[in-house]
Amino acid sequence: MYIGADFLIDKDLRLYLSEVNTGVPAGAQEFDFVYEAKHKKPSGVFQKIESLSKKYTGKNFFDYINGLPFIDESIFED
């Protein structure tokens, strides 16, 4: 699980906390979109998530999330 913090930045570059949440890394997709728009190549964030999951849990990320006792597996079904 991840802790996420969302900030707003004003014209003077001051940060304002707008949201704090916990959960799976949905922000990774947002990060990848922005990174690719700026750098014209994928960020590699998804491979990093997979690598960390395998290193620390011995499972790919999908199996790790699916194996958490408080996650209802039906949310992953079509």
C-alpha atoms as a PDB file:
ATOM      1  CA  MET A   1       0.000   0.000   0.000  1.00  0.00           C
ATOM      2  CA  TYR A   2       1.077   3.558  -0.629  1.00  0.00           C
ATOM      3  CA  ILE A   3       0.442   6.898   1.042  1.00  0.00           C
ATOM      4  CA  GLY A   4      -0.238   9.639  -1.449  1.00  0.00           C
ATOM      5  CA  ALA A   5      -0.295  13.375  -0.938  1.00  0.00           C
ATOM      6  CA  ASP A   6      -1.657  15.741  -3.567  1.00  0.00           C
ATOM      7  CA  PHE A   7      -0.603  19.358  -3.635  1.00  0.00           C
ATOM      8  CA  LEU A   8      -1.703  22.471  -5.446  1.00  0.00           C
ATOM      9  CA  ILE A   9       1.031  24.920  -6.433  1.00  0.00           C
ATOM     10  CA  ASP A  10       0.282  28.608  -6.825  1.00  0.00           C
ATOM     11  CA  LYS A  11       2.053  31.106  -9.103  1.00  0.00           C
ATOM     12  CA  ASP A  12       4.597  31.829  -6.352  1.00  0.00           C
ATOM     13  CA  LEU A  13       5.419  28.108  -6.097  1.00  0.00           C
ATOM     14  CA  ARG A  14       3.796  27.771  -2.654  1.00  0.00           C
ATOM     15  CA  LEU A  15       2.473  24.287  -1.918  1.00  0.00           C
ATOM     16  CA  TYR A  16      -1.015  23.650  -0.558  1.00  0.00           C
ATOM     17  CA  LEU A  17      -1.921  20.171   0.614  1.00  0.00           C
ATOM     18  CA  SER A  18      -5.194  19.223  -1.052  1.00  0.00           C
ATOM     19  CA  GLU A  19      -5.512  15.492  -0.361  1.00  0.00           C
ATOM     20  CA  VAL A  20      -3.885  12.644   1.512  1.00  0.00           C
ATOM     21  CA  ASN A  21      -4.872   9.088   0.676  1.00  0.00           C
ATOM     22  CA  THR A  22      -3.745   5.510   1.010  1.00  0.00           C
ATOM     23  CA  GLY A  23      -4.102   2.727  -1.493  1.00  0.00           C
ATOM     24  CA  VAL A  24      -2.653   1.210  -4.609  1.00  0.00           C
ATOM     25  CA  PRO A  25      -0.430   3.417  -6.779  1.00  0.00           C
ATOM     26  CA  ALA A  26      -2.992   4.901  -9.158  1.00  0.00           C
ATOM     27  CA  GLY A  27      -0.809   7.991  -9.193  1.00  0.00           C
ATOM     28  CA  ALA A  28       1.784   5.935 -11.032  1.00  0.00           C
ATOM     29  CA  GLN A  29      -0.325   6.143 -14.175  1.00  0.00           C
ATOM     30  CA  GLU A  30      -0.684   9.903 -13.807  1.00  0.00           C
ATOM     31  CA  PHE A  31       3.080  10.206 -13.234  1.00  0.00           C
ATOM     32  CA  ASP A  32       3.785   8.099 -16.321  1.00  0.00           C
ATOM     33  CA  PHE A  33       1.478  10.241 -18.500  1.00  0.00           C
ATOM     34  CA  VAL A  34       3.171  13.469 -17.407  1.00  0.00           C
ATOM     35  CA  TYR A  35       6.675  12.023 -17.673  1.00  0.00           C
ATOM     36  CA  GLU A  36       6.024  10.704 -21.171  1.00  0.00           C
ATOM     37  CA  ALA A  37       4.472  13.993 -22.285  1.00  0.00           C
ATOM     38  CA  LYS A  38       7.545  15.881 -21.072  1.00  0.00           C
ATOM     39  CA  HIS A  39      10.339  13.433 -22.004  1.00  0.00           C
ATOM     40  CA  LYS A  40       8.754  11.623 -24.992  1.00  0.00           C
ATOM     41  CA  LYS A  41       9.450   8.196 -23.433  1.00  0.00           C
ATOM     42  CA  PRO A  42       7.839   6.013 -20.745  1.00  0.00           C
ATOM     43  CA  SER A  43       8.963   6.629 -17.166  1.00  0.00           C
ATOM     44  CA  GLY A  44       9.587   3.000 -16.240  1.00  0.00           C
ATOM     45  CA  VAL A  45       7.525   3.441 -13.068  1.00  0.00           C
ATOM     46  CA  PHE A  46       5.501   0.273 -13.681  1.00  0.00           C
ATOM     47  CA  GLN A  47       8.627  -1.858 -14.060  1.00  0.00           C
ATOM     48  CA  LYS A  48       9.942  -0.314 -10.832  1.00  0.00           C
ATOM     49  CA  ILE A  49       6.721  -1.226  -8.992  1.00  0.00           C
ATOM     50  CA  GLU A  50       6.965  -4.801 -10.294  1.00  0.00           C
ATOM     51  CA  SER A  51      10.623  -5.028  -9.320  1.00  0.00           C
ATOM     52  CA  LEU A  52      10.000  -3.749  -5.793  1.00  0.00           C
ATOM     53  CA  SER A  53       7.011  -6.036  -5.334  1.00  0.00           C
ATOM     54  CA  LYS A  54       9.012  -9.103  -6.373  1.00  0.00           C
ATOM     55  CA  LYS A  55      11.977  -8.057  -4.225  1.00  0.00           C
ATOM     56  CA  TYR A  56      10.011  -7.426  -1.035  1.00  0.00           C
ATOM     57  CA  THR A  57       7.028  -9.781  -1.347  1.00  0.00           C
ATOM     58  CA  GLY A  58       8.264 -12.476  -3.735  1.00  0.00           C
ATOM     59  CA  LYS A  59       5.162 -11.861  -5.864  1.00  0.00           C
ATOM     60  CA  ASN A  60       4.288  -9.752  -8.865  1.00  0.00           C
ATOM     61  CA  PHE A  61       2.275  -6.667  -7.914  1.00  0.00           C
ATOM     62  CA  PHE A  62      -1.073  -8.049  -9.105  1.00  0.00           C
ATOM     63  CA  ASP A  63      -0.691 -11.203  -7.007  1.00  0.00           C
ATOM     64  CA  TYR A  64       0.448  -9.162  -4.012  1.00  0.00           C
ATOM     65  CA  ILE A  65      -2.623  -6.897  -4.179  1.00  0.00           C
ATOM     66  CA  ASN A  66      -4.928  -9.834  -4.856  1.00  0.00           C
ATOM     67  CA  GLY A  67      -3.500 -11.665  -1.838  1.00  0.00           C
ATOM     68  CA  LEU A  68      -4.224  -8.912   0.671  1.00  0.00           C
ATOM     69  CA  PRO A  69      -6.928 -10.173   3.040  1.00  0.00           C
ATOM     70  CA  PHE A  70      -8.926  -6.921   2.963  1.00  0.00           C
ATOM     71  CA  ILE A  71      -9.124  -6.646  -0.842  1.00  0.00           C
ATOM     72  CA  ASP A  72     -12.224  -8.092  -2.447  1.00  0.00           C
ATOM     73  CA  GLU A  73     -10.931 -10.081  -5.441  1.00  0.00           C
ATOM     74  CA  SER A  74     -14.094  -9.377  -7.426  1.00  0.00           C
ATOM     75  CA  ILE A  75     -12.922  -5.807  -8.133  1.00  0.00           C
ATOM     76  CA  PHE A  76     -10.317  -7.294 -10.505  1.00  0.00           C
ATOM     77  CA  GLU A  77     -12.836  -9.304 -12.513  1.00  0.00           C
ATOM     78  CA  ASP A  78     -14.508  -8.108 -15.715  1.00  0.00           C
END
